[in-house]
Amino acid sequence: MESGDTNNDSTYIALKDSWIPSGPSAIALVAQILPLLEAAEFTAHHSDGTANSLIRQAQSLLSSVEATPAA
């Protein structure tokens, strides 16, 4: 960070706010991804099928965000 940390770096904040998906679909996707990551980290348990499905959903969400003109 050039000007501090993630809370006060204006470049980081501007970039984060410009491309991080928000809204119900992003929140729902994160709610599914987080427990999967935690399970994989702490129990070495993972589900390739579930992970691949979530990856495809995340890629689709990011594609839709990239296709949306900036405000």
C-alpha atoms as a PDB file:
ATOM      1  CA  MET A   1       0.000   0.000   0.000  1.00  0.00           C
ATOM      2  CA  GLU A   2       1.442   3.268  -1.014  1.00  0.00           C
ATOM      3  CA  SER A   3      -0.476   5.451   1.372  1.00  0.00           C
ATOM      4  CA  GLY A   4      -1.182   3.208   4.344  1.00  0.00           C
ATOM      5  CA  ASP A   5      -3.402   0.200   4.700  1.00  0.00           C
ATOM      6  CA  THR A   6      -6.587  -1.064   3.045  1.00  0.00           C
ATOM      7  CA  ASN A   7      -8.697   1.275   5.176  1.00  0.00           C
ATOM      8  CA  ASN A   8      -7.060   4.524   4.102  1.00  0.00           C
ATOM      9  CA  ASP A   9      -5.378   3.833   0.757  1.00  0.00           C
ATOM     10  CA  SER A  10      -7.384   5.866  -1.753  1.00  0.00           C
ATOM     11  CA  THR A  11      -6.162   3.878  -4.763  1.00  0.00           C
ATOM     12  CA  TYR A  12      -7.101   0.568  -3.161  1.00  0.00           C
ATOM     13  CA  ILE A  13     -10.521   1.862  -2.131  1.00  0.00           C
ATOM     14  CA  ALA A  14     -11.265   3.278  -5.597  1.00  0.00           C
ATOM     15  CA  LEU A  15     -10.282   0.034  -7.320  1.00  0.00           C
ATOM     16  CA  LYS A  16     -12.127  -2.131  -4.813  1.00  0.00           C
ATOM     17  CA  ASP A  17     -15.284  -0.086  -5.129  1.00  0.00           C
ATOM     18  CA  SER A  18     -15.130  -0.112  -8.914  1.00  0.00           C
ATOM     19  CA  TRP A  19     -14.966  -3.868  -9.481  1.00  0.00           C
ATOM     20  CA  ILE A  20     -16.117  -5.840  -6.459  1.00  0.00           C
ATOM     21  CA  PRO A  21     -19.541  -7.267  -7.222  1.00  0.00           C
ATOM     22  CA  SER A  22     -22.215  -6.345  -4.767  1.00  0.00           C
ATOM     23  CA  GLY A  23     -25.842  -7.105  -4.337  1.00  0.00           C
ATOM     24  CA  PRO A  24     -27.831 -10.180  -3.451  1.00  0.00           C
ATOM     25  CA  SER A  25     -26.203 -12.537  -5.967  1.00  0.00           C
ATOM     26  CA  ALA A  26     -22.676 -11.707  -4.794  1.00  0.00           C
ATOM     27  CA  ILE A  27     -23.665 -11.992  -1.132  1.00  0.00           C
ATOM     28  CA  ALA A  28     -25.357 -15.353  -1.742  1.00  0.00           C
ATOM     29  CA  LEU A  29     -22.302 -16.640  -3.597  1.00  0.00           C
ATOM     30  CA  VAL A  30     -19.934 -15.553  -0.828  1.00  0.00           C
ATOM     31  CA  ALA A  31     -22.215 -17.241   1.706  1.00  0.00           C
ATOM     32  CA  GLN A  32     -21.691 -20.498  -0.171  1.00  0.00           C
ATOM     33  CA  ILE A  33     -17.963 -20.093  -0.821  1.00  0.00           C
ATOM     34  CA  LEU A  34     -16.851 -19.127   2.684  1.00  0.00           C
ATOM     35  CA  PRO A  35     -17.913 -22.338   4.473  1.00  0.00           C
ATOM     36  CA  LEU A  36     -16.360 -24.402   1.687  1.00  0.00           C
ATOM     37  CA  LEU A  37     -13.036 -22.569   2.074  1.00  0.00           C
ATOM     38  CA  GLU A  38     -13.142 -22.892   5.855  1.00  0.00           C
ATOM     39  CA  ALA A  39     -13.869 -26.614   5.644  1.00  0.00           C
ATOM     40  CA  ALA A  40     -11.004 -27.119   3.219  1.00  0.00           C
ATOM     41  CA  GLU A  41      -8.633 -25.109   5.401  1.00  0.00           C
ATOM     42  CA  PHE A  42      -9.450 -26.552   8.801  1.00  0.00           C
ATOM     43  CA  THR A  43     -10.573 -30.103   8.055  1.00  0.00           C
ATOM     44  CA  ALA A  44      -8.876 -30.871   4.728  1.00  0.00           C
ATOM     45  CA  HIS A  45     -12.353 -31.711   3.453  1.00  0.00           C
ATOM     46  CA  HIS A  46     -13.339 -30.483   0.038  1.00  0.00           C
ATOM     47  CA  SER A  47     -15.851 -31.155  -2.660  1.00  0.00           C
ATOM     48  CA  ASP A  48     -14.541 -30.729  -6.176  1.00  0.00           C
ATOM     49  CA  GLY A  49     -18.045 -30.730  -7.649  1.00  0.00           C
ATOM     50  CA  THR A  50     -19.265 -27.995  -5.332  1.00  0.00           C
ATOM     51  CA  ALA A  51     -16.073 -25.996  -5.749  1.00  0.00           C
ATOM     52  CA  ASN A  52     -16.261 -26.184  -9.535  1.00  0.00           C
ATOM     53  CA  SER A  53     -19.895 -25.087  -9.493  1.00  0.00           C
ATOM     54  CA  LEU A  54     -19.077 -22.098  -7.275  1.00  0.00           C
ATOM     55  CA  ILE A  55     -16.106 -21.187  -9.466  1.00  0.00           C
ATOM     56  CA  ARG A  56     -18.347 -21.143 -12.535  1.00  0.00           C
ATOM     57  CA  GLN A  57     -20.900 -18.985 -10.689  1.00  0.00           C
ATOM     58  CA  ALA A  58     -18.190 -16.557  -9.567  1.00  0.00           C
ATOM     59  CA  GLN A  59     -16.769 -16.337 -13.083  1.00  0.00           C
ATOM     60  CA  SER A  60     -20.230 -15.632 -14.451  1.00  0.00           C
ATOM     61  CA  LEU A  61     -20.820 -12.940 -11.846  1.00  0.00           C
ATOM     62  CA  LEU A  62     -17.470 -11.298 -12.587  1.00  0.00           C
ATOM     63  CA  SER A  63     -18.174 -11.413 -16.328  1.00  0.00           C
ATOM     64  CA  SER A  64     -21.472  -9.662 -15.803  1.00  0.00           C
ATOM     65  CA  VAL A  65     -19.783  -6.995 -13.684  1.00  0.00           C
ATOM     66  CA  GLU A  66     -17.076  -6.471 -16.308  1.00  0.00           C
ATOM     67  CA  ALA A  67     -19.751  -6.083 -18.990  1.00  0.00           C
ATOM     68  CA  THR A  68     -21.593  -3.436 -16.969  1.00  0.00           C
ATOM     69  CA  PRO A  69     -20.525   0.115 -17.820  1.00  0.00           C
ATOM     70  CA  ALA A  70     -18.977   2.049 -14.935  1.00  0.00           C
ATOM     71  CA  ALA A  71     -21.236   4.599 -13.304  1.00  0.00           C
END
